[in-house]
Structures are given as C-alpha cells and as structure tokens.
Protein backbone atom coordinates (compact mmCIF):
# COMPACT_ATOMS: atom_id res chain seq x y z
CA UNK A 1 -18.30 -16.82 -25.93
CA UNK A 2 -15.56 -15.03 -24.01
CA UNK A 3 -12.93 -12.72 -25.46
CA UNK A 4 -9.65 -12.05 -23.66
CA UNK A 5 -7.24 -9.27 -24.65
CA UNK A 6 -3.85 -8.92 -22.96
CA UNK A 7 -1.72 -5.80 -22.71
CA UNK A 8 1.26 -4.53 -20.76
CA UNK A 9 4.10 -6.67 -22.03
CA UNK A 10 7.45 -5.22 -22.99
CA UNK A 11 11.18 -5.28 -22.39
CA UNK A 12 12.73 -4.70 -19.00
CA UNK A 13 16.06 -5.27 -17.29
CA UNK A 14 16.51 -7.96 -14.68
CA UNK A 15 15.17 -6.81 -11.34
CA UNK A 16 12.53 -4.62 -12.95
CA UNK A 17 8.75 -4.82 -12.89
CA UNK A 18 5.87 -5.06 -15.35
CA UNK A 19 2.11 -5.30 -14.96
CA UNK A 20 0.09 -7.31 -17.42
CA UNK A 21 -3.62 -6.72 -17.92
CA UNK A 22 -6.29 -8.95 -19.46
CA UNK A 23 -9.63 -7.42 -20.40
CA UNK A 24 -12.47 -9.93 -20.57
CA UNK A 25 -15.66 -9.41 -22.54
CA UNK A 26 -18.63 -11.42 -23.69
CA UNK A 27 -20.28 -14.11 -21.56
CA UNK A 28 -18.03 -13.59 -18.53
CA UNK A 29 -20.31 -13.76 -15.53
CA UNK A 30 -19.99 -17.52 -14.96
CA UNK A 31 -16.21 -17.77 -15.33
CA UNK A 32 -14.68 -19.57 -12.34
CA UNK A 33 -10.89 -19.49 -12.80
CA UNK A 34 -8.86 -16.86 -14.63
CA UNK A 35 -5.11 -16.81 -14.86
CA UNK A 36 -1.86 -16.62 -16.73
CA UNK A 37 0.31 -19.06 -18.64
CA UNK A 38 3.61 -18.48 -20.40
CA UNK A 39 5.57 -20.15 -23.13
CA UNK A 40 9.21 -19.56 -23.98
CA UNK A 41 10.67 -20.60 -27.36
CA UNK A 42 11.31 -24.34 -27.46
CA UNK A 43 9.63 -24.93 -24.11
CA UNK A 44 6.26 -26.30 -23.05
CA UNK A 45 3.55 -23.91 -21.97
CA UNK A 46 3.44 -23.58 -18.17
CA UNK A 47 1.02 -22.22 -15.65
CA UNK A 48 2.07 -19.04 -13.86
CA UNK A 49 -0.74 -17.82 -11.62
CA UNK A 50 -4.51 -18.00 -11.31
CA UNK A 51 -7.38 -16.58 -9.29
CA UNK A 52 -10.71 -18.25 -8.66
CA UNK A 53 -14.10 -16.60 -8.28
CA UNK A 54 -13.86 -16.98 -4.48
CA UNK A 55 -10.65 -14.92 -4.54
CA UNK A 56 -8.25 -17.77 -3.85
CA UNK A 57 -4.96 -17.56 -5.72
CA UNK A 58 -2.41 -20.11 -6.91
CA UNK A 59 1.14 -19.66 -8.16
CA UNK A 60 3.84 -21.70 -9.83
CA UNK A 61 6.80 -22.21 -7.50
CA UNK A 62 9.06 -20.29 -9.88
CA UNK A 63 7.11 -17.04 -9.40
CA UNK A 64 5.94 -17.25 -5.79
CA UNK A 65 6.87 -14.14 -3.84
CA UNK A 66 7.57 -12.16 -7.03
CA UNK A 67 4.30 -12.21 -9.00
CA UNK A 68 0.83 -11.24 -7.81
CA UNK A 69 -2.41 -12.08 -9.62
CA UNK A 70 -5.51 -9.97 -9.00
CA UNK A 71 -8.85 -9.17 -10.57
CA UNK A 72 -11.08 -6.13 -10.79
CA UNK A 73 -14.57 -7.58 -11.16
CA UNK A 74 -16.14 -4.19 -11.92
CA UNK A 75 -13.83 -3.77 -14.90
CA UNK A 76 -13.76 -7.47 -15.89
CA UNK A 77 -9.99 -7.19 -15.91
CA UNK A 78 -7.32 -9.59 -14.69
CA UNK A 79 -3.85 -8.40 -13.71
CA UNK A 80 -0.43 -9.91 -13.17
CA UNK A 81 2.03 -7.75 -11.26
CA UNK A 82 5.53 -9.04 -11.93
CA UNK A 83 8.37 -7.86 -9.71
CA UNK A 84 12.04 -8.85 -9.44
CA UNK A 85 11.94 -10.10 -13.00
CA UNK A 86 14.60 -12.54 -14.18
CA UNK A 87 15.80 -13.46 -17.68
CA UNK A 88 14.12 -16.87 -17.17
CA UNK A 89 10.78 -15.03 -17.06
CA UNK A 90 11.16 -14.14 -20.75
CA UNK A 91 8.21 -15.67 -22.60
CA UNK A 92 4.92 -15.01 -24.32
CA UNK A 93 2.32 -14.59 -21.60
CA UNK A 94 -1.25 -15.71 -22.18
CA UNK A 95 -4.41 -14.91 -20.27
CA UNK A 96 -6.84 -17.81 -19.90
CA UNK A 97 -10.24 -18.48 -18.37
CA UNK A 98 -12.92 -21.12 -18.01
CA UNK A 99 -15.96 -22.09 -16.01
CA UNK A 100 -14.31 -24.89 -14.05
CA UNK A 101 -11.89 -24.68 -11.11
CA UNK A 102 -8.50 -25.07 -12.79
CA UNK A 103 -6.71 -22.40 -10.76
CA UNK A 104 -4.80 -24.70 -8.34
CA UNK A 105 -3.47 -26.75 -11.26
CA UNK A 106 -1.05 -23.97 -12.27
CA UNK A 107 1.34 -25.43 -9.71
CA UNK A 108 1.59 -28.59 -11.87
CA UNK A 109 3.18 -27.29 -15.04
CA UNK A 110 1.04 -26.83 -18.14
CA UNK A 111 0.48 -30.08 -20.02
CA UNK A 112 -3.18 -30.03 -18.90
CA UNK A 113 -3.73 -26.47 -20.14
CA UNK A 114 -5.40 -27.59 -23.36
CA UNK A 115 -8.47 -28.22 -21.18
CA UNK A 116 -8.82 -24.47 -20.54
CA UNK A 117 -11.32 -23.09 -23.01
CA UNK A 118 -10.68 -19.38 -23.46
CA UNK A 119 -7.36 -17.76 -24.38
CA UNK A 120 -6.00 -14.37 -25.27
CA UNK A 121 -3.61 -13.70 -28.11
CA UNK A 122 -0.58 -13.29 -25.84
CA UNK A 123 1.76 -10.48 -24.88
CA UNK A 124 5.57 -10.72 -25.01
CA UNK A 125 7.71 -10.18 -21.93
CA UNK A 126 11.46 -9.91 -22.42
CA UNK A 127 13.86 -9.60 -19.49
CA UNK A 128 17.48 -8.78 -20.22
CA UNK A 129 20.38 -9.43 -17.88
C-alpha cells in the first residue's frame, strides 16, 4: 500500500505563488508516475502535472509555464510550485501515484484518472482576484 499526504494549500491573491507538497510512504519504491490533479466545484477532475521515474514531466496546457512539478526521491516527496496564480486555478488539489506510466496523460483532461490507484486527501487552493 501507498499513503499520500498533501500540504501547502491556502488562499492567495491573483499573481501570487504557492508550493504544494505530497509526502509518500509505504510501498513506494516501484511507483512510476506521480503527479497532481485538481477539481473545482461542479467541474470534472483534471490532470495538472506529473513526473515519471525517469524524470520526464508533463503538464496540462492551462498551467504550462506557470507550474513546475518536481520530486525529492530521498524524502519521498512530490512538489508542485505554482506561480502567477489565477482565479481559475482555484480547486482542491490531489496528489496521485501508481506503478504504470500515466504521467503524459495529464495533458488529456482527467476522465481516465479513475485508473490511478493511489490518492491523497486533497489540499484546497483558493485564488482571489
């Protein structure tokens, strides 16, 4: 089993920055893709960013150039640096992981995300205008 715990959410004004963290524990050594999804009220869950075990990263078009996903393998921690935040970024953000290569699929929305096996409890990000 794998446990994922997010932290770092909060409220910020448009143009500001936040960094989300996701601490992984348990049977983590064989995880292939780790990443972030978000879901706003009344909207479908969507992929945001992901990083694979070879270090390759993928981003949704809506966050390219503003968000950066990274991972500290020694700490088993995933990060999402979010800059130039917009009100449209307001959502619950979820950390996710699995042992198959789903990272590149974050560019294709989120309807497939039910195939990802491990999820955190979510952390709220609110961006005010």
